[in-house]
Amino acid sequence: MRLIFLWIFLGCVALLGYAQYLQHVENLPPCPLCVAQRLAYWMLGLTALVTFLHNPQVIGRRIYGFFMTVFAWTGAVVAFRQSWLIRYPESFECGISPEEALLNALPFARWWPGMFEANGDCTDVDWEFLSLAIPDWSLLALAGFGLLSISILLARTPR
């Protein structure tokens, strides 16, 4: 069971690292919804790391599993919203928006603007793989992490 936490942490680190690559090497600026997904990956990954290092008993694992489930599914909902916007851009404007102003005013956007500053448009599709855009892949990853988190939450005995 403990290795699941390590794999979730490493998966989040890998995905956040790839996001940095896309932003700084491929010049794809993150939009407000991308930044919100990055926050979900950070919270999920840090919770998984703390759980791995703490190695709690059943009750502690369930508490951590609950928070990981909340972070993963919250990020998945944001990714789903962005995927929806890509397909139906007329349903919402996401350029210079209140979300962007709010996210860019938060302390972590000033501390690490390369990770958390939102400058892109949520409906731009500049990258695809197997005909799925970045938020589609993010939705799949976060849903996978969410299912793993639910299995941790519902596990009866330590494995």
Protein backbone atom coordinates (compact mmCIF):
# COMPACT_ATOMS: atom_id res chain seq x y z
CA MET A 1 0.00 0.00 0.00
CA ARG A 2 2.81 2.39 0.86
CA LEU A 3 4.27 2.20 -2.64
CA ILE A 4 1.00 3.51 -4.10
CA PHE A 5 1.66 6.81 -2.33
CA LEU A 6 5.16 6.96 -3.77
CA TRP A 7 3.85 6.25 -7.29
CA ILE A 8 1.18 8.95 -6.98
CA PHE A 9 3.83 11.43 -5.81
CA LEU A 10 6.21 10.51 -8.63
CA GLY A 11 3.39 10.69 -11.17
CA CYS A 12 2.48 14.19 -10.01
CA VAL A 13 6.14 15.27 -10.14
CA ALA A 14 6.49 13.88 -13.68
CA LEU A 15 3.33 15.61 -14.90
CA LEU A 16 4.29 18.92 -13.30
CA GLY A 17 7.76 18.59 -14.82
CA TYR A 18 6.23 18.00 -18.25
CA ALA A 19 4.01 21.06 -17.73
CA GLN A 20 7.17 23.08 -17.09
CA TYR A 21 8.71 21.68 -20.26
CA LEU A 22 5.65 22.63 -22.32
CA GLN A 23 5.62 26.10 -20.81
CA HIS A 24 9.31 27.00 -20.96
CA VAL A 25 10.59 24.97 -23.93
CA GLU A 26 7.52 24.70 -26.17
CA ASN A 27 6.30 28.21 -25.15
CA LEU A 28 2.76 27.17 -24.18
CA PRO A 29 1.67 29.60 -21.43
CA PRO A 30 -0.71 28.15 -18.82
CA CYS A 31 -4.24 29.49 -18.54
CA PRO A 32 -6.11 29.94 -15.24
CA LEU A 33 -7.61 26.46 -15.48
CA CYS A 34 -4.16 24.98 -16.16
CA VAL A 35 -2.83 26.68 -13.06
CA ALA A 36 -5.76 25.34 -11.02
CA GLN A 37 -4.91 21.83 -12.25
CA ARG A 38 -1.27 22.39 -11.32
CA LEU A 39 -2.42 23.31 -7.82
CA ALA A 40 -4.41 20.07 -7.65
CA TYR A 41 -1.33 18.07 -8.74
CA TRP A 42 0.79 19.87 -6.13
CA MET A 43 -1.67 19.25 -3.31
CA LEU A 44 -2.19 15.63 -4.36
CA GLY A 45 1.53 14.98 -4.76
CA LEU A 46 2.51 16.61 -1.48
CA THR A 47 -0.21 14.71 0.39
CA ALA A 48 0.99 11.46 -1.17
CA LEU A 49 4.60 12.26 -0.21
CA VAL A 50 3.66 13.08 3.39
CA THR A 51 1.64 9.88 3.58
CA PHE A 52 4.53 7.85 2.17
CA LEU A 53 6.96 9.35 4.69
CA HIS A 54 4.52 9.16 7.62
CA ASN A 55 3.39 5.58 6.83
CA PRO A 56 0.25 5.85 8.99
CA GLN A 57 -2.04 3.06 10.15
CA VAL A 58 -5.50 2.44 8.68
CA ILE A 59 -7.24 5.52 10.11
CA GLY A 60 -4.40 7.83 9.05
CA ARG A 61 -4.33 6.32 5.56
CA ARG A 62 -8.05 6.92 5.25
CA ILE A 63 -7.68 10.55 6.30
CA TYR A 64 -4.87 11.10 3.81
CA GLY A 65 -6.83 9.12 1.21
CA PHE A 66 -9.81 11.40 1.72
CA PHE A 67 -7.74 14.52 1.07
CA MET A 68 -6.06 12.92 -1.93
CA THR A 69 -9.48 12.00 -3.31
CA VAL A 70 -10.71 15.57 -2.89
CA PHE A 71 -7.61 17.05 -4.58
CA ALA A 72 -7.65 14.56 -7.47
CA TRP A 73 -11.35 14.89 -8.26
CA THR A 74 -11.32 18.67 -7.86
CA GLY A 75 -8.52 18.81 -10.42
CA ALA A 76 -10.42 16.38 -12.65
CA VAL A 77 -13.49 18.63 -12.57
CA VAL A 78 -11.34 21.61 -13.59
CA ALA A 79 -9.74 19.56 -16.38
CA PHE A 80 -13.19 18.46 -17.55
CA ARG A 81 -14.31 22.09 -17.61
CA GLN A 82 -11.31 23.05 -19.72
CA SER A 83 -11.92 20.14 -22.09
CA TRP A 84 -15.51 21.33 -22.43
CA LEU A 85 -14.34 24.88 -23.18
CA ILE A 86 -12.01 23.64 -25.92
CA ARG A 87 -14.93 21.94 -27.66
CA TYR A 88 -17.44 24.74 -26.96
CA PRO A 89 -15.39 27.97 -26.67
CA GLU A 90 -18.43 30.19 -27.05
CA SER A 91 -19.81 28.96 -23.71
CA PHE A 92 -17.27 30.84 -21.61
CA GLU A 93 -14.60 33.50 -21.98
CA CYS A 94 -11.33 32.67 -20.34
CA GLY A 95 -8.84 35.28 -21.48
CA ILE A 96 -8.25 38.14 -19.05
CA SER A 97 -10.75 36.98 -16.50
CA PRO A 98 -11.44 37.34 -12.79
CA GLU A 99 -9.97 33.84 -12.31
CA GLU A 100 -6.71 34.92 -13.92
CA ALA A 101 -6.53 38.08 -11.83
CA LEU A 102 -7.26 36.10 -8.64
CA LEU A 103 -4.71 33.37 -9.34
CA ASN A 104 -2.00 35.85 -10.33
CA ALA A 105 -2.61 37.86 -7.14
CA LEU A 106 -2.05 34.85 -4.86
CA PRO A 107 1.33 34.61 -3.10
CA PHE A 108 2.47 31.43 -4.84
CA ALA A 109 2.11 33.15 -8.25
CA ARG A 110 4.58 35.79 -7.07
CA TRP A 111 6.90 33.27 -5.40
CA TRP A 112 7.07 30.96 -8.41
CA PRO A 113 5.58 32.69 -11.47
CA GLY A 114 7.08 30.11 -13.82
CA MET A 115 4.78 27.50 -12.29
CA PHE A 116 1.71 29.37 -11.10
CA GLU A 117 1.26 32.54 -13.15
CA ALA A 118 -1.69 32.28 -15.56
CA ASN A 119 -1.14 33.98 -18.92
CA GLY A 120 -2.72 31.70 -21.52
CA ASP A 121 -6.13 31.26 -23.09
CA CYS A 122 -8.13 28.25 -21.87
CA THR A 123 -9.48 27.46 -25.35
CA ASP A 124 -6.15 27.37 -27.21
CA VAL A 125 -5.15 23.92 -28.43
CA ASP A 126 -1.48 24.06 -29.39
CA TRP A 127 -0.58 20.49 -28.38
CA GLU A 128 -2.30 17.16 -29.03
CA PHE A 129 -1.38 13.51 -28.70
CA LEU A 130 -3.67 10.79 -30.08
CA SER A 131 -6.18 13.57 -30.85
CA LEU A 132 -6.47 14.51 -27.15
CA ALA A 133 -5.43 17.93 -25.86
CA ILE A 134 -3.54 18.64 -22.64
CA PRO A 135 -6.67 19.01 -20.45
CA ASP A 136 -8.01 15.70 -21.79
CA TRP A 137 -4.83 13.92 -20.71
CA SER A 138 -4.87 15.79 -17.41
CA LEU A 139 -8.45 14.64 -16.86
CA LEU A 140 -7.44 11.03 -17.46
CA ALA A 141 -4.45 11.30 -15.11
CA LEU A 142 -6.40 13.02 -12.34
CA ALA A 143 -9.28 10.56 -12.66
CA GLY A 144 -6.76 7.71 -12.39
CA PHE A 145 -5.23 9.28 -9.29
CA GLY A 146 -8.75 9.82 -7.97
CA LEU A 147 -9.62 6.15 -8.41
CA LEU A 148 -6.38 5.13 -6.68
CA SER A 149 -7.21 7.53 -3.85
CA ILE A 150 -10.69 6.08 -3.49
CA SER A 151 -9.20 2.57 -3.32
CA ILE A 152 -6.88 3.79 -0.54
CA LEU A 153 -9.81 5.39 1.23
CA LEU A 154 -11.88 2.21 1.07
CA ALA A 155 -9.13 -0.36 1.71
CA ARG A 156 -10.06 -2.68 4.56
CA THR A 157 -6.67 -4.00 5.55
CA PRO A 158 -3.09 -2.87 5.05
CA ARG A 159 -1.45 -4.39 1.98
